[in-house]
Amino acid sequence: MADDASMAFPDIQKDAQVHHPTFGMGKVLQRTGKDEKTAKAIIKFREEGEKKLALQFADLTVDKVDEDEAEGAAQ
């Protein structure tokens, strides 16, 4: 299996928190494909539910959650 460095959209992996300009905040449930043309993800959005998106067109940004902030939210 190839390492993440050779994968398109390496930050978009299972359990990543992402933001879509239309659907809002979501969590990656599943990721498939390694190159730009085949990379897809099933994402559960807070308001819109589950969507399967082609990553080359999805315009997703990955939220970098500060670990201290995440711990505070969990309490």
N, C-alpha and C. Protein backbone atom coordinates (compact mmCIF):
# COMPACT_ATOMS: atom_id res chain seq x y z
N MET A 1 0.84 -1.19 0.00
CA MET A 1 0.00 0.00 0.00
C MET A 1 0.88 1.25 0.00
N ALA A 2 0.51 2.26 -0.77
CA ALA A 2 1.29 3.49 -0.85
C ALA A 2 1.15 4.29 0.44
N ASP A 3 2.20 5.08 0.73
CA ASP A 3 2.11 5.91 1.92
C ASP A 3 1.28 7.16 1.63
N ASP A 4 0.91 7.89 2.69
CA ASP A 4 0.05 9.06 2.55
C ASP A 4 0.67 10.16 1.69
N ALA A 5 2.01 10.23 1.62
CA ALA A 5 2.67 11.28 0.87
C ALA A 5 2.37 11.17 -0.63
N SER A 6 2.12 9.96 -1.13
CA SER A 6 1.83 9.79 -2.55
C SER A 6 0.33 9.84 -2.84
N MET A 7 -0.47 10.05 -1.84
CA MET A 7 -1.92 10.06 -1.97
C MET A 7 -2.43 11.49 -2.19
N ALA A 8 -3.38 11.65 -3.10
CA ALA A 8 -4.02 12.95 -3.27
C ALA A 8 -4.88 13.25 -2.05
N PHE A 9 -4.91 14.49 -1.62
CA PHE A 9 -5.70 14.93 -0.46
C PHE A 9 -5.36 14.12 0.79
N PRO A 10 -4.08 14.07 1.19
CA PRO A 10 -3.67 13.21 2.31
C PRO A 10 -4.30 13.58 3.66
N ASP A 11 -4.72 14.83 3.84
CA ASP A 11 -5.32 15.23 5.12
C ASP A 11 -6.75 14.75 5.28
N ILE A 12 -7.39 14.37 4.19
CA ILE A 12 -8.79 13.95 4.25
C ILE A 12 -8.82 12.44 4.43
N GLN A 13 -8.88 12.03 5.69
CA GLN A 13 -8.87 10.62 6.08
C GLN A 13 -10.03 10.36 7.03
N LYS A 14 -10.29 9.08 7.29
CA LYS A 14 -11.36 8.70 8.21
C LYS A 14 -11.21 9.45 9.54
N ASP A 15 -12.32 9.95 10.04
CA ASP A 15 -12.44 10.68 11.30
C ASP A 15 -11.95 12.13 11.25
N ALA A 16 -11.46 12.60 10.10
CA ALA A 16 -11.06 14.01 9.99
C ALA A 16 -12.29 14.91 10.05
N GLN A 17 -12.15 16.05 10.70
CA GLN A 17 -13.19 17.06 10.73
C GLN A 17 -12.96 17.99 9.54
N VAL A 18 -13.97 18.17 8.71
CA VAL A 18 -13.81 18.98 7.51
C VAL A 18 -14.92 20.03 7.41
N HIS A 19 -14.68 21.01 6.55
CA HIS A 19 -15.67 22.04 6.29
C HIS A 19 -15.90 22.14 4.78
N HIS A 20 -17.16 22.15 4.38
CA HIS A 20 -17.56 22.31 2.98
C HIS A 20 -18.27 23.66 2.87
N PRO A 21 -18.04 24.43 1.81
CA PRO A 21 -18.64 25.75 1.71
C PRO A 21 -20.16 25.78 1.70
N THR A 22 -20.80 24.70 1.26
CA THR A 22 -22.27 24.64 1.23
C THR A 22 -22.84 23.82 2.37
N PHE A 23 -22.25 22.65 2.64
CA PHE A 23 -22.81 21.72 3.62
C PHE A 23 -22.34 21.98 5.05
N GLY A 24 -21.30 22.78 5.23
CA GLY A 24 -20.82 23.11 6.57
C GLY A 24 -19.86 22.09 7.14
N MET A 25 -19.90 21.94 8.47
CA MET A 25 -18.98 21.06 9.19
C MET A 25 -19.40 19.61 9.06
N GLY A 26 -18.40 18.73 8.94
CA GLY A 26 -18.69 17.30 8.85
C GLY A 26 -17.52 16.47 9.30
N LYS A 27 -17.76 15.17 9.38
CA LYS A 27 -16.74 14.20 9.79
C LYS A 27 -16.63 13.14 8.70
N VAL A 28 -15.40 12.83 8.29
CA VAL A 28 -15.17 11.82 7.25
C VAL A 28 -15.45 10.44 7.83
N LEU A 29 -16.39 9.73 7.22
CA LEU A 29 -16.72 8.37 7.65
C LEU A 29 -15.91 7.33 6.89
N GLN A 30 -15.63 7.62 5.61
CA GLN A 30 -14.90 6.66 4.78
C GLN A 30 -14.18 7.41 3.67
N ARG A 31 -13.02 6.93 3.30
CA ARG A 31 -12.22 7.53 2.23
C ARG A 31 -11.81 6.42 1.28
N THR A 32 -11.97 6.65 -0.03
CA THR A 32 -11.53 5.69 -1.04
C THR A 32 -10.75 6.42 -2.11
N GLY A 33 -9.97 5.67 -2.88
CA GLY A 33 -9.20 6.24 -3.98
C GLY A 33 -7.92 6.90 -3.52
N LYS A 34 -6.91 6.86 -4.39
CA LYS A 34 -5.61 7.43 -4.04
C LYS A 34 -5.23 8.62 -4.90
N ASP A 35 -5.71 8.68 -6.13
CA ASP A 35 -5.33 9.80 -6.98
C ASP A 35 -6.47 10.81 -7.10
N GLU A 36 -6.19 11.95 -7.72
CA GLU A 36 -7.18 13.02 -7.78
C GLU A 36 -8.50 12.60 -8.43
N LYS A 37 -8.42 11.76 -9.45
CA LYS A 37 -9.64 11.39 -10.18
C LYS A 37 -10.49 10.35 -9.47
N THR A 38 -9.89 9.55 -8.60
CA THR A 38 -10.65 8.48 -7.94
C THR A 38 -10.94 8.73 -6.47
N ALA A 39 -10.32 9.75 -5.90
CA ALA A 39 -10.48 10.02 -4.46
C ALA A 39 -11.90 10.50 -4.15
N LYS A 40 -12.56 9.77 -3.25
CA LYS A 40 -13.92 10.11 -2.82
C LYS A 40 -14.00 9.93 -1.31
N ALA A 41 -14.97 10.58 -0.70
CA ALA A 41 -15.17 10.42 0.73
C ALA A 41 -16.66 10.47 1.04
N ILE A 42 -17.05 9.66 2.02
CA ILE A 42 -18.40 9.77 2.58
C ILE A 42 -18.25 10.58 3.85
N ILE A 43 -18.98 11.68 3.89
CA ILE A 43 -18.88 12.62 5.00
C ILE A 43 -20.24 12.82 5.62
N LYS A 44 -20.29 12.77 6.94
CA LYS A 44 -21.53 13.04 7.67
C LYS A 44 -21.49 14.49 8.12
N PHE A 45 -22.35 15.29 7.50
CA PHE A 45 -22.44 16.71 7.84
C PHE A 45 -23.46 16.91 8.95
N ARG A 46 -23.23 17.89 9.77
CA ARG A 46 -24.11 18.15 10.93
C ARG A 46 -25.54 18.42 10.50
N GLU A 47 -25.73 19.26 9.51
CA GLU A 47 -27.07 19.66 9.09
C GLU A 47 -27.59 18.88 7.89
N GLU A 48 -26.72 18.45 7.01
CA GLU A 48 -27.12 17.87 5.73
C GLU A 48 -27.10 16.34 5.68
N GLY A 49 -26.58 15.69 6.72
CA GLY A 49 -26.50 14.23 6.72
C GLY A 49 -25.31 13.74 5.90
N GLU A 50 -25.37 12.48 5.47
CA GLU A 50 -24.26 11.86 4.74
C GLU A 50 -24.27 12.23 3.26
N LYS A 51 -23.08 12.53 2.76
CA LYS A 51 -22.88 12.85 1.35
C LYS A 51 -21.63 12.13 0.88
N LYS A 52 -21.67 11.61 -0.36
CA LYS A 52 -20.47 11.04 -0.98
C LYS A 52 -19.96 12.06 -1.98
N LEU A 53 -18.73 12.50 -1.77
CA LEU A 53 -18.17 13.58 -2.57
C LEU A 53 -16.89 13.16 -3.29
N ALA A 54 -16.73 13.63 -4.52
CA ALA A 54 -15.46 13.50 -5.24
C ALA A 54 -14.55 14.59 -4.71
N LEU A 55 -13.42 14.21 -4.15
CA LEU A 55 -12.56 15.18 -3.46
C LEU A 55 -11.98 16.24 -4.39
N GLN A 56 -11.80 15.92 -5.66
CA GLN A 56 -11.23 16.93 -6.56
C GLN A 56 -12.17 18.11 -6.79
N PHE A 57 -13.46 17.92 -6.54
CA PHE A 57 -14.45 18.98 -6.74
C PHE A 57 -15.05 19.50 -5.43
N ALA A 58 -14.77 18.85 -4.32
CA ALA A 58 -15.50 19.11 -3.06
C ALA A 58 -15.12 20.42 -2.37
N ASP A 59 -13.94 20.96 -2.61
CA ASP A 59 -13.49 22.20 -1.98
C ASP A 59 -13.57 22.11 -0.45
N LEU A 60 -13.06 21.01 0.10
CA LEU A 60 -13.07 20.80 1.55
C LEU A 60 -11.84 21.41 2.20
N THR A 61 -12.02 21.90 3.41
CA THR A 61 -10.88 22.29 4.23
C THR A 61 -10.91 21.42 5.47
N VAL A 62 -9.73 21.01 5.92
CA VAL A 62 -9.61 20.15 7.10
C VAL A 62 -9.42 21.05 8.30
N ASP A 63 -10.24 20.84 9.32
CA ASP A 63 -10.12 21.62 10.56
C ASP A 63 -9.03 21.02 11.41
N LYS A 64 -8.08 21.84 11.77
CA LYS A 64 -7.01 21.42 12.68
C LYS A 64 -7.47 21.77 14.09
N VAL A 65 -7.93 20.77 14.83
CA VAL A 65 -8.44 21.00 16.18
C VAL A 65 -7.29 20.97 17.16
N ASP A 66 -7.18 22.01 17.96
CA ASP A 66 -6.19 22.07 19.02
C ASP A 66 -6.54 21.01 20.06
N GLU A 67 -5.58 20.19 20.48
CA GLU A 67 -5.87 19.08 21.40
C GLU A 67 -6.45 19.57 22.73
N ASP A 68 -5.94 20.69 23.25
CA ASP A 68 -6.49 21.24 24.50
C ASP A 68 -7.93 21.65 24.31
N GLU A 69 -8.24 22.24 23.18
CA GLU A 69 -9.60 22.68 22.87
C GLU A 69 -10.52 21.46 22.75
N ALA A 70 -10.04 20.40 22.10
CA ALA A 70 -10.84 19.18 21.94
C ALA A 70 -11.15 18.54 23.29
N GLU A 71 -10.17 18.52 24.19
CA GLU A 71 -10.39 17.96 25.52
C GLU A 71 -11.42 18.76 26.29
N GLY A 72 -11.38 20.07 26.19
CA GLY A 72 -12.34 20.92 26.86
C GLY A 72 -13.75 20.71 26.34
N ALA A 73 -13.88 20.48 25.05
CA ALA A 73 -15.20 20.25 24.45
C ALA A 73 -15.77 18.90 24.87
N ALA A 74 -14.88 17.94 25.13
CA ALA A 74 -15.33 16.60 25.51
C ALA A 74 -15.83 16.53 26.95
N GLN A 75 -15.44 17.50 27.76
CA GLN A 75 -15.81 17.46 29.19
C GLN A 75 -17.17 18.03 29.43
